[in-house]
Amino acid sequence: MSLFVVALFFGAAYGGAMPCYALVAREFFGDRVVGTTFGGIFFISCIGMGLGAYGGGFLYDQLGTLLEPPRRQHPRRSRRRCGGSGAQAAGPGTALAPGV
């Protein structure tokens, strides 16, 4: 049921924006070429929507999720290069080796 509610709101919002495309195309390009411009706008938007769907599938295949990209540690801050687990911290009263 929630998908239908989202689709209803999306359709109403998209339908409300549609007249603006024609007005903007006419203002920028004039009355004579508004049909060609309007067709070009929708042609390019359809290409973008198609590539966006393909890009989303590609990202899902590469990352295994669409929620969050995997986090990578900075090479200089990597725990493996420091030789410790990162849980040890130098605080007051902690003796450090010379040169550290």
C-alpha atoms as a PDB file:
ATOM      1  CA  MET A   1       0.000   0.000   0.000  1.00  0.00           C
ATOM      2  CA  SER A   2       2.841   2.433   0.769  1.00  0.00           C
ATOM      3  CA  LEU A   3       4.210   2.052  -2.763  1.00  0.00           C
ATOM      4  CA  PHE A   4       0.925   3.334  -4.130  1.00  0.00           C
ATOM      5  CA  VAL A   5       1.041   6.358  -1.821  1.00  0.00           C
ATOM      6  CA  VAL A   6       4.604   7.172  -2.897  1.00  0.00           C
ATOM      7  CA  ALA A   7       3.616   6.715  -6.555  1.00  0.00           C
ATOM      8  CA  LEU A   8       0.661   9.052  -6.062  1.00  0.00           C
ATOM      9  CA  PHE A   9       2.822  11.793  -4.554  1.00  0.00           C
ATOM     10  CA  PHE A  10       5.554  11.308  -7.156  1.00  0.00           C
ATOM     11  CA  GLY A  11       3.043  11.507  -9.984  1.00  0.00           C
ATOM     12  CA  ALA A  12       1.448  14.642  -8.574  1.00  0.00           C
ATOM     13  CA  ALA A  13       4.838  16.323  -8.096  1.00  0.00           C
ATOM     14  CA  TYR A  14       6.120  15.305 -11.531  1.00  0.00           C
ATOM     15  CA  GLY A  15       2.860  16.327 -13.165  1.00  0.00           C
ATOM     16  CA  GLY A  16       3.102  19.705 -11.466  1.00  0.00           C
ATOM     17  CA  ALA A  17       6.588  20.255 -12.850  1.00  0.00           C
ATOM     18  CA  MET A  18       5.732  19.288 -16.431  1.00  0.00           C
ATOM     19  CA  PRO A  19       4.181  22.633 -17.464  1.00  0.00           C
ATOM     20  CA  CYS A  20       7.286  24.395 -16.191  1.00  0.00           C
ATOM     21  CA  TYR A  21       9.434  22.556 -18.761  1.00  0.00           C
ATOM     22  CA  ALA A  22       7.396  23.955 -21.626  1.00  0.00           C
ATOM     23  CA  LEU A  23       7.465  27.479 -20.208  1.00  0.00           C
ATOM     24  CA  VAL A  24      11.201  27.431 -19.606  1.00  0.00           C
ATOM     25  CA  ALA A  25      11.880  26.002 -23.074  1.00  0.00           C
ATOM     26  CA  ARG A  26       9.759  28.719 -24.660  1.00  0.00           C
ATOM     27  CA  GLU A  27      11.409  31.488 -22.631  1.00  0.00           C
ATOM     28  CA  PHE A  28      14.947  30.354 -23.435  1.00  0.00           C
ATOM     29  CA  PHE A  29      14.576  29.235 -27.073  1.00  0.00           C
ATOM     30  CA  GLY A  30      11.542  31.080 -28.422  1.00  0.00           C
ATOM     31  CA  ASP A  31       8.145  30.086 -29.779  1.00  0.00           C
ATOM     32  CA  ARG A  32       9.356  28.725 -33.118  1.00  0.00           C
ATOM     33  CA  VAL A  33      11.497  25.890 -31.767  1.00  0.00           C
ATOM     34  CA  VAL A  34       9.675  25.074 -28.533  1.00  0.00           C
ATOM     35  CA  GLY A  35       8.514  21.683 -29.885  1.00  0.00           C
ATOM     36  CA  THR A  36      12.009  20.641 -30.914  1.00  0.00           C
ATOM     37  CA  THR A  37      13.465  21.886 -27.652  1.00  0.00           C
ATOM     38  CA  PHE A  38      10.785  20.143 -25.613  1.00  0.00           C
ATOM     39  CA  GLY A  39      11.461  16.880 -27.457  1.00  0.00           C
ATOM     40  CA  GLY A  40      15.196  17.254 -26.896  1.00  0.00           C
ATOM     41  CA  ILE A  41      14.689  17.870 -23.194  1.00  0.00           C
ATOM     42  CA  PHE A  42      12.660  14.695 -22.805  1.00  0.00           C
ATOM     43  CA  PHE A  43      15.009  12.672 -25.004  1.00  0.00           C
ATOM     44  CA  ILE A  44      17.976  13.623 -22.835  1.00  0.00           C
ATOM     45  CA  SER A  45      16.017  13.011 -19.628  1.00  0.00           C
ATOM     46  CA  CYS A  46      15.057   9.512 -20.814  1.00  0.00           C
ATOM     47  CA  ILE A  47      18.704   8.727 -21.552  1.00  0.00           C
ATOM     48  CA  GLY A  48      19.633   9.949 -18.056  1.00  0.00           C
ATOM     49  CA  MET A  49      16.933   7.849 -16.431  1.00  0.00           C
ATOM     50  CA  GLY A  50      18.058   4.765 -18.330  1.00  0.00           C
ATOM     51  CA  LEU A  51      21.725   5.287 -17.479  1.00  0.00           C
ATOM     52  CA  GLY A  52      20.810   5.978 -13.854  1.00  0.00           C
ATOM     53  CA  ALA A  53      19.076   2.622 -13.568  1.00  0.00           C
ATOM     54  CA  TYR A  54      22.054   0.872 -15.169  1.00  0.00           C
ATOM     55  CA  GLY A  55      24.455   2.792 -12.906  1.00  0.00           C
ATOM     56  CA  GLY A  56      22.500   1.801  -9.810  1.00  0.00           C
ATOM     57  CA  GLY A  57      22.641  -1.857 -10.826  1.00  0.00           C
ATOM     58  CA  PHE A  58      26.358  -1.578 -11.544  1.00  0.00           C
ATOM     59  CA  LEU A  59      27.010  -0.040  -8.110  1.00  0.00           C
ATOM     60  CA  TYR A  60      24.966  -2.764  -6.450  1.00  0.00           C
ATOM     61  CA  ASP A  61      26.954  -5.441  -8.274  1.00  0.00           C
ATOM     62  CA  GLN A  62      30.276  -3.853  -7.306  1.00  0.00           C
ATOM     63  CA  LEU A  63      29.523  -2.911  -3.694  1.00  0.00           C
ATOM     64  CA  GLY A  64      26.934  -5.505  -2.730  1.00  0.00           C
ATOM     65  CA  THR A  65      24.676  -2.817  -1.264  1.00  0.00           C
ATOM     66  CA  LEU A  66      23.061   0.456  -2.208  1.00  0.00           C
ATOM     67  CA  LEU A  67      22.915   1.764   1.330  1.00  0.00           C
ATOM     68  CA  GLU A  68      26.461   2.855   2.081  1.00  0.00           C
ATOM     69  CA  PRO A  69      29.836   2.556   0.342  1.00  0.00           C
ATOM     70  CA  PRO A  70      32.498   0.568   2.197  1.00  0.00           C
ATOM     71  CA  ARG A  71      34.744   2.668   4.397  1.00  0.00           C
ATOM     72  CA  ARG A  72      38.448   2.676   3.694  1.00  0.00           C
ATOM     73  CA  GLN A  73      41.122   3.704   6.125  1.00  0.00           C
ATOM     74  CA  HIS A  74      43.714   6.245   5.202  1.00  0.00           C
ATOM     75  CA  PRO A  75      47.040   4.455   4.487  1.00  0.00           C
ATOM     76  CA  ARG A  76      48.890   6.465   7.140  1.00  0.00           C
ATOM     77  CA  ARG A  77      46.253   5.718   9.746  1.00  0.00           C
ATOM     78  CA  SER A  78      45.933   2.033   9.056  1.00  0.00           C
ATOM     79  CA  ARG A  79      46.103  -0.196  12.128  1.00  0.00           C
ATOM     80  CA  ARG A  80      48.056  -2.860  10.273  1.00  0.00           C
ATOM     81  CA  ARG A  81      50.937  -0.522   9.470  1.00  0.00           C
ATOM     82  CA  CYS A  82      51.178   0.664  13.079  1.00  0.00           C
ATOM     83  CA  GLY A  83      51.420  -2.877  14.359  1.00  0.00           C
ATOM     84  CA  GLY A  84      48.708  -2.450  16.983  1.00  0.00           C
ATOM     85  CA  SER A  85      44.993  -2.784  17.302  1.00  0.00           C
ATOM     86  CA  GLY A  86      44.483   0.920  17.811  1.00  0.00           C
ATOM     87  CA  ALA A  87      43.071   0.323  21.288  1.00  0.00           C
ATOM     88  CA  GLN A  88      46.258   1.404  23.055  1.00  0.00           C
ATOM     89  CA  ALA A  89      46.564   5.118  23.654  1.00  0.00           C
ATOM     90  CA  ALA A  90      49.277   7.146  25.306  1.00  0.00           C
ATOM     91  CA  GLY A  91      47.842   9.058  28.210  1.00  0.00           C
ATOM     92  CA  PRO A  92      49.076  10.616  31.427  1.00  0.00           C
ATOM     93  CA  GLY A  93      51.403   8.260  33.236  1.00  0.00           C
ATOM     94  CA  THR A  94      52.109   6.163  30.123  1.00  0.00           C
ATOM     95  CA  ALA A  95      55.778   5.793  29.323  1.00  0.00           C
ATOM     96  CA  LEU A  96      56.687   6.069  25.664  1.00  0.00           C
ATOM     97  CA  ALA A  97      59.768   4.577  24.116  1.00  0.00           C
ATOM     98  CA  PRO A  98      62.393   7.067  23.015  1.00  0.00           C
ATOM     99  CA  GLY A  99      61.879   8.282  19.450  1.00  0.00           C
ATOM    100  CA  VAL A 100      58.149   7.586  19.424  1.00  0.00           C
END
